[in-house]
Structure formats: structure tokens, C-alpha cells
Amino acid sequence: MQDSGRAVALARSLSARVAVLRFPLSRSVELEIRKRVWAYADTLKEMGLPPERVIVALKRVAREAGVDSTARMTTMPTELDGRDKLLVDMVGWCIERYYDGQDASD
């Protein structure tokens, strides 16, 4: 049960931080968000959630922060930017972390 409280706290913190981002992101802010995504993914994995549920949970956190997929993500072949790119990056970081990472201090 302690892990679920930690997961809720991490989700709220990540959502609050993402909600106030200004684009384009600096490298340091991008790294900060990546570390928050990693911590959230690590916690959900420790709770025994399978990868698809971790991704759904992360997307819900992003959506609550105002970062949601748009039609542009599936119809535009050009490089994404802003919130579209951030969502793609967050999901990618989450997947990589779930399968590759164990050390949240990376």
C-alpha cells in the first residue's frame, strides 16, 4: 500500500510540473521530466503493473497536465514539437525505463 501512495504522489508531482512547462524545453528541464517519468515507471513496475498499464497510467498523468495526443501525431510526417513531442518522449522514456532501467539515479 505504501507504493500506491508513492505512485499517487509521483503522478501528482509529474502532472503539476508538466502543466506549467514552457516550450521549447531546455535540456535541463527535459532531463528533469525524464527523471520524474523514470521514478514513476519504477514505482509502478515495483507494484507489479505490466508495461501496458504503466504506459496507460503515464498517459493519464500527461493528459491531466494538458499533454494529450493530437491528430498531428498521426497525420504529420514532419518532426513533432512542443506537447506532441513531449508526450512521445515521455512514453519512450517510460518504455525504456521499464525494460532497461533499475537505478533511478541515472
PDB file of N, CA and C in Angstrom:
ATOM      1  N   MET A   1       0.815  -1.200   0.000  1.00  0.00           N
ATOM      2  CA  MET A   1       0.000   0.000   0.000  1.00  0.00           C
ATOM      3  C   MET A   1       0.857   1.262   0.000  1.00  0.00           C
ATOM      4  N   GLN A   2       2.019   1.165   0.619  1.00  0.00           N
ATOM      5  CA  GLN A   2       2.912   2.316   0.660  1.00  0.00           C
ATOM      6  C   GLN A   2       3.333   2.724  -0.754  1.00  0.00           C
ATOM      7  N   ASP A   3       3.545   1.723  -1.634  1.00  0.00           N
ATOM      8  CA  ASP A   3       3.926   2.017  -3.011  1.00  0.00           C
ATOM      9  C   ASP A   3       2.831   2.770  -3.748  1.00  0.00           C
ATOM     10  N   SER A   4       1.568   2.441  -3.472  1.00  0.00           N
ATOM     11  CA  SER A   4       0.492   3.140  -4.175  1.00  0.00           C
ATOM     12  C   SER A   4       0.432   4.609  -3.748  1.00  0.00           C
ATOM     13  N   GLY A   5       0.708   4.894  -2.497  1.00  0.00           N
ATOM     14  CA  GLY A   5       0.773   6.286  -2.054  1.00  0.00           C
ATOM     15  C   GLY A   5       1.913   7.032  -2.719  1.00  0.00           C
ATOM     16  N   ARG A   6       3.051   6.348  -2.869  1.00  0.00           N
ATOM     17  CA  ARG A   6       4.195   6.951  -3.559  1.00  0.00           C
ATOM     18  C   ARG A   6       3.847   7.192  -5.026  1.00  0.00           C
ATOM     19  N   ALA A   7       3.170   6.232  -5.650  1.00  0.00           N
ATOM     20  CA  ALA A   7       2.788   6.387  -7.062  1.00  0.00           C
ATOM     21  C   ALA A   7       1.861   7.574  -7.241  1.00  0.00           C
ATOM     22  N   VAL A   8       0.903   7.737  -6.353  1.00  0.00           N
ATOM     23  CA  VAL A   8      -0.022   8.879  -6.427  1.00  0.00           C
ATOM     24  C   VAL A   8       0.741  10.185  -6.272  1.00  0.00           C
ATOM     25  N   ALA A   9       1.651  10.230  -5.318  1.00  0.00           N
ATOM     26  CA  ALA A   9       2.434  11.449  -5.097  1.00  0.00           C
ATOM     27  C   ALA A   9       3.308  11.776  -6.306  1.00  0.00           C
ATOM     28  N   LEU A  10       3.945  10.758  -6.875  1.00  0.00           N
ATOM     29  CA  LEU A  10       4.775  10.979  -8.069  1.00  0.00           C
ATOM     30  C   LEU A  10       3.929  11.435  -9.250  1.00  0.00           C
ATOM     31  N   ALA A  11       2.748  10.842  -9.416  1.00  0.00           N
ATOM     32  CA  ALA A  11       1.851  11.229 -10.512  1.00  0.00           C
ATOM     33  C   ALA A  11       1.432  12.687 -10.367  1.00  0.00           C
ATOM     34  N   ARG A  12       1.057  13.078  -9.177  1.00  0.00           N
ATOM     35  CA  ARG A  12       0.639  14.466  -8.945  1.00  0.00           C
ATOM     36  C   ARG A  12       1.779  15.441  -9.198  1.00  0.00           C
ATOM     37  N   SER A  13       2.965  15.085  -8.717  1.00  0.00           N
ATOM     38  CA  SER A  13       4.128  15.949  -8.897  1.00  0.00           C
ATOM     39  C   SER A  13       4.487  16.084 -10.378  1.00  0.00           C
ATOM     40  N   LEU A  14       4.490  14.967 -11.086  1.00  0.00           N
ATOM     41  CA  LEU A  14       4.797  14.990 -12.517  1.00  0.00           C
ATOM     42  C   LEU A  14       3.760  15.800 -13.280  1.00  0.00           C
ATOM     43  N   SER A  15       2.498  15.569 -12.992  1.00  0.00           N
ATOM     44  CA  SER A  15       1.427  16.294 -13.663  1.00  0.00           C
ATOM     45  C   SER A  15       1.525  17.798 -13.416  1.00  0.00           C
ATOM     46  N   ALA A  16       1.767  18.172 -12.175  1.00  0.00           N
ATOM     47  CA  ALA A  16       1.875  19.593 -11.837  1.00  0.00           C
ATOM     48  C   ALA A  16       3.050  20.240 -12.555  1.00  0.00           C
ATOM     49  N   ARG A  17       4.168  19.535 -12.639  1.00  0.00           N
ATOM     50  CA  ARG A  17       5.354  20.091 -13.298  1.00  0.00           C
ATOM     51  C   ARG A  17       5.128  20.223 -14.798  1.00  0.00           C
ATOM     52  N   VAL A  18       4.561  19.199 -15.405  1.00  0.00           N
ATOM     53  CA  VAL A  18       4.329  19.215 -16.854  1.00  0.00           C
ATOM     54  C   VAL A  18       3.312  20.305 -17.216  1.00  0.00           C
ATOM     55  N   ALA A  19       2.347  20.527 -16.370  1.00  0.00           N
ATOM     56  CA  ALA A  19       1.286  21.505 -16.657  1.00  0.00           C
ATOM     57  C   ALA A  19       1.817  22.920 -16.822  1.00  0.00           C
ATOM     58  N   VAL A  20       2.955  23.233 -16.224  1.00  0.00           N
ATOM     59  CA  VAL A  20       3.479  24.603 -16.280  1.00  0.00           C
ATOM     60  C   VAL A  20       4.690  24.752 -17.194  1.00  0.00           C
ATOM     61  N   LEU A  21       4.971  23.736 -17.984  1.00  0.00           N
ATOM     62  CA  LEU A  21       6.130  23.809 -18.881  1.00  0.00           C
ATOM     63  C   LEU A  21       5.931  24.850 -19.969  1.00  0.00           C
ATOM     64  N   ARG A  22       7.023  25.434 -20.367  1.00  0.00           N
ATOM     65  CA  ARG A  22       7.057  26.366 -21.496  1.00  0.00           C
ATOM     66  C   ARG A  22       7.961  25.768 -22.559  1.00  0.00           C
ATOM     67  N   PHE A  23       7.537  25.878 -23.800  1.00  0.00           N
ATOM     68  CA  PHE A  23       8.268  25.279 -24.910  1.00  0.00           C
ATOM     69  C   PHE A  23       8.957  26.350 -25.726  1.00  0.00           C
ATOM     70  N   PRO A  24      10.110  26.029 -26.302  1.00  0.00           N
ATOM     71  CA  PRO A  24      10.781  24.740 -26.272  1.00  0.00           C
ATOM     72  C   PRO A  24      11.433  24.487 -24.904  1.00  0.00           C
ATOM     73  N   LEU A  25      11.577  23.211 -24.572  1.00  0.00           N
ATOM     74  CA  LEU A  25      12.166  22.833 -23.295  1.00  0.00           C
ATOM     75  C   LEU A  25      13.681  22.952 -23.354  1.00  0.00           C
ATOM     76  N   SER A  26      14.243  23.406 -22.267  1.00  0.00           N
ATOM     77  CA  SER A  26      15.708  23.398 -22.171  1.00  0.00           C
ATOM     78  C   SER A  26      16.155  21.966 -21.911  1.00  0.00           C
ATOM     79  N   ARG A  27      17.396  21.707 -22.134  1.00  0.00           N
ATOM     80  CA  ARG A  27      17.946  20.361 -21.899  1.00  0.00           C
ATOM     81  C   ARG A  27      17.784  19.973 -20.431  1.00  0.00           C
ATOM     82  N   SER A  28      18.000  20.918 -19.522  1.00  0.00           N
ATOM     83  CA  SER A  28      17.900  20.601 -18.094  1.00  0.00           C
ATOM     84  C   SER A  28      16.461  20.289 -17.682  1.00  0.00           C
ATOM     85  N   VAL A  29      15.491  20.984 -18.250  1.00  0.00           N
ATOM     86  CA  VAL A  29      14.089  20.702 -17.936  1.00  0.00           C
ATOM     87  C   VAL A  29      13.695  19.348 -18.522  1.00  0.00           C
ATOM     88  N   GLU A  30      14.136  19.059 -19.723  1.00  0.00           N
ATOM     89  CA  GLU A  30      13.847  17.762 -20.331  1.00  0.00           C
ATOM     90  C   GLU A  30      14.407  16.627 -19.464  1.00  0.00           C
ATOM     91  N   LEU A  31      15.620  16.803 -18.970  1.00  0.00           N
ATOM     92  CA  LEU A  31      16.226  15.791 -18.097  1.00  0.00           C
ATOM     93  C   LEU A  31      15.439  15.646 -16.793  1.00  0.00           C
ATOM     94  N   GLU A  32      14.986  16.763 -16.245  1.00  0.00           N
ATOM     95  CA  GLU A  32      14.170  16.724 -15.025  1.00  0.00           C
ATOM     96  C   GLU A  32      12.888  15.923 -15.248  1.00  0.00           C
ATOM     97  N   ILE A  33      12.208  16.176 -16.364  1.00  0.00           N
ATOM     98  CA  ILE A  33      10.970  15.465 -16.661  1.00  0.00           C
ATOM     99  C   ILE A  33      11.261  13.978 -16.880  1.00  0.00           C
ATOM    100  N   ARG A  34      12.339  13.686 -17.582  1.00  0.00           N
ATOM    101  CA  ARG A  34      12.712  12.290 -17.809  1.00  0.00           C
ATOM    102  C   ARG A  34      12.932  11.569 -16.484  1.00  0.00           C
ATOM    103  N   LYS A  35      13.616  12.182 -15.552  1.00  0.00           N
ATOM    104  CA  LYS A  35      13.859  11.550 -14.247  1.00  0.00           C
ATOM    105  C   LYS A  35      12.556  11.340 -13.477  1.00  0.00           C
ATOM    106  N   ARG A  36      11.620  12.274 -13.610  1.00  0.00           N
ATOM    107  CA  ARG A  36      10.320  12.104 -12.954  1.00  0.00           C
ATOM    108  C   ARG A  36       9.534  10.948 -13.584  1.00  0.00           C
ATOM    109  N   VAL A  37       9.607  10.836 -14.911  1.00  0.00           N
ATOM    110  CA  VAL A  37       8.949   9.722 -15.609  1.00  0.00           C
ATOM    111  C   VAL A  37       9.575   8.409 -15.159  1.00  0.00           C
ATOM    112  N   TRP A  38      10.904   8.369 -15.069  1.00  0.00           N
ATOM    113  CA  TRP A  38      11.595   7.160 -14.625  1.00  0.00           C
ATOM    114  C   TRP A  38      11.148   6.754 -13.221  1.00  0.00           C
ATOM    115  N   ALA A  39      11.087   7.712 -12.319  1.00  0.00           N
ATOM    116  CA  ALA A  39      10.683   7.406 -10.940  1.00  0.00           C
ATOM    117  C   ALA A  39       9.268   6.845 -10.910  1.00  0.00           C
ATOM    118  N   TYR A  40       8.384   7.422 -11.699  1.00  0.00           N
ATOM    119  CA  TYR A  40       7.004   6.949 -11.766  1.00  0.00           C
ATOM    120  C   TYR A  40       6.956   5.542 -12.349  1.00  0.00           C
ATOM    121  N   ALA A  41       7.666   5.320 -13.450  1.00  0.00           N
ATOM    122  CA  ALA A  41       7.696   3.996 -14.078  1.00  0.00           C
ATOM    123  C   ALA A  41       8.287   2.959 -13.124  1.00  0.00           C
ATOM    124  N   ASP A  42       9.363   3.314 -12.436  1.00  0.00           N
ATOM    125  CA  ASP A  42       9.988   2.392 -11.478  1.00  0.00           C
ATOM    126  C   ASP A  42       8.997   1.980 -10.396  1.00  0.00           C
ATOM    127  N   THR A  43       8.277   2.949  -9.868  1.00  0.00           N
ATOM    128  CA  THR A  43       7.330   2.671  -8.785  1.00  0.00           C
ATOM    129  C   THR A  43       6.195   1.773  -9.253  1.00  0.00           C
ATOM    130  N   LEU A  44       5.642   2.072 -10.414  1.00  0.00           N
ATOM    131  CA  LEU A  44       4.551   1.250 -10.930  1.00  0.00           C
ATOM    132  C   LEU A  44       5.025  -0.167 -11.246  1.00  0.00           C
ATOM    133  N   LYS A  45       6.237  -0.289 -11.755  1.00  0.00           N
ATOM    134  CA  LYS A  45       6.793  -1.618 -12.033  1.00  0.00           C
ATOM    135  C   LYS A  45       6.989  -2.387 -10.726  1.00  0.00           C
ATOM    136  N   GLU A  46       7.507  -1.714  -9.704  1.00  0.00           N
ATOM    137  CA  GLU A  46       7.696  -2.347  -8.393  1.00  0.00           C
ATOM    138  C   GLU A  46       6.361  -2.818  -7.811  1.00  0.00           C
ATOM    139  N   MET A  47       5.296  -2.116  -8.158  1.00  0.00           N
ATOM    140  CA  MET A  47       3.957  -2.503  -7.694  1.00  0.00           C
ATOM    141  C   MET A  47       3.412  -3.706  -8.467  1.00  0.00           C
ATOM    142  N   GLY A  48       4.127  -4.116  -9.510  1.00  0.00           N
ATOM    143  CA  GLY A  48       3.723  -5.281 -10.278  1.00  0.00           C
ATOM    144  C   GLY A  48       2.882  -4.991 -11.498  1.00  0.00           C
ATOM    145  N   LEU A  49       2.761  -3.720 -11.876  1.00  0.00           N
ATOM    146  CA  LEU A  49       1.959  -3.396 -13.062  1.00  0.00           C
ATOM    147  C   LEU A  49       2.702  -3.822 -14.323  1.00  0.00           C
ATOM    148  N   PRO A  50       1.986  -4.407 -15.286  1.00  0.00           N
ATOM    149  CA  PRO A  50       2.608  -4.759 -16.560  1.00  0.00           C
ATOM    150  C   PRO A  50       2.879  -3.481 -17.370  1.00  0.00           C
ATOM    151  N   PRO A  51       3.753  -3.584 -18.357  1.00  0.00           N
ATOM    152  CA  PRO A  51       4.156  -2.382 -19.100  1.00  0.00           C
ATOM    153  C   PRO A  51       2.998  -1.614 -19.729  1.00  0.00           C
ATOM    154  N   GLU A  52       2.009  -2.330 -20.259  1.00  0.00           N
ATOM    155  CA  GLU A  52       0.904  -1.612 -20.911  1.00  0.00           C
ATOM    156  C   GLU A  52       0.103  -0.780 -19.910  1.00  0.00           C
ATOM    157  N   ARG A  53      -0.027  -1.235 -18.693  1.00  0.00           N
ATOM    158  CA  ARG A  53      -0.748  -0.462 -17.678  1.00  0.00           C
ATOM    159  C   ARG A  53       0.081   0.721 -17.202  1.00  0.00           C
ATOM    160  N   VAL A  54       1.396   0.559 -17.173  1.00  0.00           N
ATOM    161  CA  VAL A  54       2.277   1.674 -16.804  1.00  0.00           C
ATOM    162  C   VAL A  54       2.158   2.780 -17.842  1.00  0.00           C
ATOM    163  N   ILE A  55       2.136   2.403 -19.108  1.00  0.00           N
ATOM    164  CA  ILE A  55       2.011   3.401 -20.179  1.00  0.00           C
ATOM    165  C   ILE A  55       0.663   4.104 -20.111  1.00  0.00           C
ATOM    166  N   VAL A  56      -0.400   3.356 -19.882  1.00  0.00           N
ATOM    167  CA  VAL A  56      -1.732   3.958 -19.755  1.00  0.00           C
ATOM    168  C   VAL A  56      -1.744   4.942 -18.584  1.00  0.00           C
ATOM    169  N   ALA A  57      -1.158   4.554 -17.470  1.00  0.00           N
ATOM    170  CA  ALA A  57      -1.113   5.442 -16.301  1.00  0.00           C
ATOM    171  C   ALA A  57      -0.325   6.707 -16.607  1.00  0.00           C
ATOM    172  N   LEU A  58       0.809   6.570 -17.295  1.00  0.00           N
ATOM    173  CA  LEU A  58       1.618   7.741 -17.647  1.00  0.00           C
ATOM    174  C   LEU A  58       0.849   8.660 -18.588  1.00  0.00           C
ATOM    175  N   LYS A  59       0.161   8.085 -19.565  1.00  0.00           N
ATOM    176  CA  LYS A  59      -0.626   8.903 -20.491  1.00  0.00           C
ATOM    177  C   LYS A  59      -1.749   9.642 -19.764  1.00  0.00           C
ATOM    178  N   ARG A  60      -2.329   9.014 -18.747  1.00  0.00           N
ATOM    179  CA  ARG A  60      -3.363   9.674 -17.954  1.00  0.00           C
ATOM    180  C   ARG A  60      -2.770  10.874 -17.197  1.00  0.00           C
ATOM    181  N   VAL A  61      -1.591  10.686 -16.632  1.00  0.00           N
ATOM    182  CA  VAL A  61      -0.908  11.787 -15.943  1.00  0.00           C
ATOM    183  C   VAL A  61      -0.636  12.927 -16.925  1.00  0.00           C
ATOM    184  N   ALA A  62      -0.142  12.589 -18.101  1.00  0.00           N
ATOM    185  CA  ALA A  62       0.148  13.607 -19.108  1.00  0.00           C
ATOM    186  C   ALA A  62      -1.124  14.332 -19.537  1.00  0.00           C
ATOM    187  N   ARG A  63      -2.188  13.582 -19.747  1.00  0.00           N
ATOM    188  CA  ARG A  63      -3.474  14.177 -20.161  1.00  0.00           C
ATOM    189  C   ARG A  63      -3.985  15.146 -19.093  1.00  0.00           C
ATOM    190  N   GLU A  64      -3.865  14.764 -17.830  1.00  0.00           N
ATOM    191  CA  GLU A  64      -4.296  15.638 -16.741  1.00  0.00           C
ATOM    192  C   GLU A  64      -3.490  16.927 -16.697  1.00  0.00           C
ATOM    193  N   ALA A  65      -2.268  16.876 -17.228  1.00  0.00           N
ATOM    194  CA  ALA A  65      -1.412  18.061 -17.278  1.00  0.00           C
ATOM    195  C   ALA A  65      -1.611  18.861 -18.559  1.00  0.00           C
ATOM    196  N   GLY A  66      -2.512  18.401 -19.422  1.00  0.00           N
ATOM    197  CA  GLY A  66      -2.768  19.119 -20.663  1.00  0.00           C
ATOM    198  C   GLY A  66      -1.932  18.645 -21.831  1.00  0.00           C
ATOM    199  N   VAL A  67      -1.251  17.521 -21.679  1.00  0.00           N
ATOM    200  CA  VAL A  67      -0.442  16.953 -22.759  1.00  0.00           C
ATOM    201  C   VAL A  67      -1.154  15.694 -23.232  1.00  0.00           C
ATOM    202  N   ASP A  68      -1.768  15.788 -24.397  1.00  0.00           N
ATOM    203  CA  ASP A  68      -2.541  14.676 -24.928  1.00  0.00           C
ATOM    204  C   ASP A  68      -2.213  14.532 -26.409  1.00  0.00           C
ATOM    205  N   SER A  69      -2.452  13.366 -26.944  1.00  0.00           N
ATOM    206  CA  SER A  69      -2.171  13.154 -28.356  1.00  0.00           C
ATOM    207  C   SER A  69      -3.117  13.999 -29.207  1.00  0.00           C
ATOM    208  N   THR A  70      -2.588  14.451 -30.310  1.00  0.00           N
ATOM    209  CA  THR A  70      -3.377  15.237 -31.251  1.00  0.00           C
ATOM    210  C   THR A  70      -3.370  14.528 -32.607  1.00  0.00           C
ATOM    211  N   ALA A  71      -4.222  14.982 -33.481  1.00  0.00           N
ATOM    212  CA  ALA A  71      -4.262  14.415 -34.829  1.00  0.00           C
ATOM    213  C   ALA A  71      -2.923  14.592 -35.526  1.00  0.00           C
ATOM    214  N   ARG A  72      -2.209  15.631 -35.157  1.00  0.00           N
ATOM    215  CA  ARG A  72      -0.919  15.901 -35.777  1.00  0.00           C
ATOM    216  C   ARG A  72       0.065  14.756 -35.548  1.00  0.00           C
ATOM    217  N   MET A  73      -0.060  14.082 -34.413  1.00  0.00           N
ATOM    218  CA  MET A  73       0.866  12.993 -34.097  1.00  0.00           C
ATOM    219  C   MET A  73       0.748  11.846 -35.093  1.00  0.00           C
ATOM    220  N   THR A  74      -0.409  11.650 -35.678  1.00  0.00           N
ATOM    221  CA  THR A  74      -0.599  10.533 -36.595  1.00  0.00           C
ATOM    222  C   THR A  74      -0.689  10.947 -38.052  1.00  0.00           C
ATOM    223  N   THR A  75      -0.870  12.232 -38.337  1.00  0.00           N
ATOM    224  CA  THR A  75      -1.063  12.640 -39.728  1.00  0.00           C
ATOM    225  C   THR A  75       0.099  13.427 -40.306  1.00  0.00           C
ATOM    226  N   MET A  76       0.942  13.966 -39.459  1.00  0.00           N
ATOM    227  CA  MET A  76       2.039  14.798 -39.959  1.00  0.00           C
ATOM    228  C   MET A  76       3.346  14.020 -39.968  1.00  0.00           C
ATOM    229  N   PRO A  77       3.964  13.873 -41.124  1.00  0.00           N
ATOM    230  CA  PRO A  77       5.233  13.140 -41.180  1.00  0.00           C
ATOM    231  C   PRO A  77       6.418  13.965 -40.684  1.00  0.00           C
ATOM    232  N   THR A  78       6.221  15.250 -40.522  1.00  0.00           N
ATOM    233  CA  THR A  78       7.324  16.098 -40.078  1.00  0.00           C
ATOM    234  C   THR A  78       7.612  15.866 -38.599  1.00  0.00           C
ATOM    235  N   GLU A  79       8.743  16.339 -38.173  1.00  0.00           N
ATOM    236  CA  GLU A  79       9.134  16.183 -36.781  1.00  0.00           C
ATOM    237  C   GLU A  79       8.161  16.909 -35.858  1.00  0.00           C
ATOM    238  N   LEU A  80       7.821  16.270 -34.764  1.00  0.00           N
ATOM    239  CA  LEU A  80       6.900  16.856 -33.792  1.00  0.00           C
ATOM    240  C   LEU A  80       7.622  17.888 -32.942  1.00  0.00           C
ATOM    241  N   ASP A  81       6.845  18.768 -32.335  1.00  0.00           N
ATOM    242  CA  ASP A  81       7.429  19.720 -31.409  1.00  0.00           C
ATOM    243  C   ASP A  81       6.450  19.970 -30.264  1.00  0.00           C
ATOM    244  N   GLY A  82       6.882  20.692 -29.276  1.00  0.00           N
ATOM    245  CA  GLY A  82       6.025  21.070 -28.166  1.00  0.00           C
ATOM    246  C   GLY A  82       5.432  19.896 -27.431  1.00  0.00           C
ATOM    247  N   ARG A  83       4.147  20.008 -27.135  1.00  0.00           N
ATOM    248  CA  ARG A  83       3.461  18.993 -26.326  1.00  0.00           C
ATOM    249  C   ARG A  83       3.372  17.641 -27.026  1.00  0.00           C
ATOM    250  N   ASP A  84       3.225  17.630 -28.345  1.00  0.00           N
ATOM    251  CA  ASP A  84       3.194  16.355 -29.067  1.00  0.00           C
ATOM    252  C   ASP A  84       4.501  15.598 -28.882  1.00  0.00           C
ATOM    253  N   LYS A  85       5.606  16.298 -29.061  1.00  0.00           N
ATOM    254  CA  LYS A  85       6.917  15.671 -28.890  1.00  0.00           C
ATOM    255  C   LYS A  85       7.117  15.230 -27.452  1.00  0.00           C
ATOM    256  N   LEU A  86       6.685  16.045 -26.504  1.00  0.00           N
ATOM    257  CA  LEU A  86       6.851  15.689 -25.107  1.00  0.00           C
ATOM    258  C   LEU A  86       6.120  14.389 -24.780  1.00  0.00           C
ATOM    259  N   LEU A  87       4.909  14.233 -25.269  1.00  0.00           N
ATOM    260  CA  LEU A  87       4.158  13.000 -24.997  1.00  0.00           C
ATOM    261  C   LEU A  87       4.877  11.792 -25.592  1.00  0.00           C
ATOM    262  N   VAL A  88       5.337  11.906 -26.823  1.00  0.00           N
ATOM    263  CA  VAL A  88       6.079  10.814 -27.451  1.00  0.00           C
ATOM    264  C   VAL A  88       7.337  10.504 -26.648  1.00  0.00           C
ATOM    265  N   ASP A  89       8.054  11.540 -26.227  1.00  0.00           N
ATOM    266  CA  ASP A  89       9.271  11.340 -25.436  1.00  0.00           C
ATOM    267  C   ASP A  89       8.955  10.666 -24.096  1.00  0.00           C
ATOM    268  N   MET A  90       7.911  11.134 -23.416  1.00  0.00           N
ATOM    269  CA  MET A  90       7.558  10.570 -22.115  1.00  0.00           C
ATOM    270  C   MET A  90       7.234   9.086 -22.228  1.00  0.00           C
ATOM    271  N   VAL A  91       6.466   8.706 -23.236  1.00  0.00           N
ATOM    272  CA  VAL A  91       6.130   7.295 -23.428  1.00  0.00           C
ATOM    273  C   VAL A  91       7.403   6.503 -23.745  1.00  0.00           C
ATOM    274  N   GLY A  92       8.254   7.051 -24.575  1.00  0.00           N
ATOM    275  CA  GLY A  92       9.516   6.377 -24.901  1.00  0.00           C
ATOM    276  C   GLY A  92      10.400   6.183 -23.674  1.00  0.00           C
ATOM    277  N   TRP A  93      10.521   7.234 -22.857  1.00  0.00           N
ATOM    278  CA  TRP A  93      11.328   7.120 -21.638  1.00  0.00           C
ATOM    279  C   TRP A  93      10.754   6.062 -20.707  1.00  0.00           C
ATOM    280  N   CYS A  94       9.443   6.025 -20.620  1.00  0.00           N
ATOM    281  CA  CYS A  94       8.758   5.069 -19.757  1.00  0.00           C
ATOM    282  C   CYS A  94       9.036   3.634 -20.213  1.00  0.00           C
ATOM    283  N   ILE A  95       8.904   3.379 -21.492  1.00  0.00           N
ATOM    284  CA  ILE A  95       9.134   2.039 -22.033  1.00  0.00           C
ATOM    285  C   ILE A  95      10.590   1.624 -21.824  1.00  0.00           C
ATOM    286  N   GLU A  96      11.513   2.521 -22.169  1.00  0.00           N
ATOM    287  CA  GLU A  96      12.932   2.218 -21.985  1.00  0.00           C
ATOM    288  C   GLU A  96      13.233   1.905 -20.527  1.00  0.00           C
ATOM    289  N   ARG A  97      12.699   2.700 -19.644  1.00  0.00           N
ATOM    290  CA  ARG A  97      12.955   2.519 -18.222  1.00  0.00           C
ATOM    291  C   ARG A  97      12.363   1.209 -17.711  1.00  0.00           C
ATOM    292  N   TYR A  98      11.181   0.913 -18.146  1.00  0.00           N
ATOM    293  CA  TYR A  98      10.513  -0.309 -17.688  1.00  0.00           C
ATOM    294  C   TYR A  98      11.353  -1.534 -18.031  1.00  0.00           C
ATOM    295  N   TYR A  99      11.905  -1.560 -19.230  1.00  0.00           N
ATOM    296  CA  TYR A  99      12.646  -2.730 -19.684  1.00  0.00           C
ATOM    297  C   TYR A  99      14.138  -2.680 -19.399  1.00  0.00           C
ATOM    298  N   ASP A 100      14.726  -1.496 -19.305  1.00  0.00           N
ATOM    299  CA  ASP A 100      16.178  -1.382 -19.187  1.00  0.00           C
ATOM    300  C   ASP A 100      16.668  -0.911 -17.819  1.00  0.00           C
ATOM    301  N   GLY A 101      15.938  -0.032 -17.176  1.00  0.00           N
ATOM    302  CA  GLY A 101      16.496   0.657 -16.025  1.00  0.00           C
ATOM    303  C   GLY A 101      16.077   0.099 -14.699  1.00  0.00           C
ATOM    304  N   GLN A 102      17.002   0.082 -13.788  1.00  0.00           N
ATOM    305  CA  GLN A 102      16.700  -0.300 -12.420  1.00  0.00           C
ATOM    306  C   GLN A 102      17.154   0.768 -11.445  1.00  0.00           C
ATOM    307  N   ASP A 103      18.081   1.620 -11.862  1.00  0.00           N
ATOM    308  CA  ASP A 103      18.679   2.602 -10.972  1.00  0.00           C
ATOM    309  C   ASP A 103      18.075   3.972 -11.252  1.00  0.00           C
ATOM    310  N   ALA A 104      17.202   4.459 -10.370  1.00  0.00           N
ATOM    311  CA  ALA A 104      16.511   5.738 -10.576  1.00  0.00           C
ATOM    312  C   ALA A 104      17.450   6.927 -10.495  1.00  0.00           C
ATOM    313  N   SER A 105      18.716   6.732 -10.183  1.00  0.00           N
ATOM    314  CA  SER A 105      19.644   7.858 -10.082  1.00  0.00           C
ATOM    315  C   SER A 105      20.323   8.158 -11.409  1.00  0.00           C
ATOM    316  N   ASP A 106      19.997   7.420 -12.474  1.00  0.00           N
ATOM    317  CA  ASP A 106      20.614   7.638 -13.794  1.00  0.00           C
ATOM    318  C   ASP A 106      20.496   9.068 -14.231  1.00  0.00           C
TER     319      ASP A 106
END
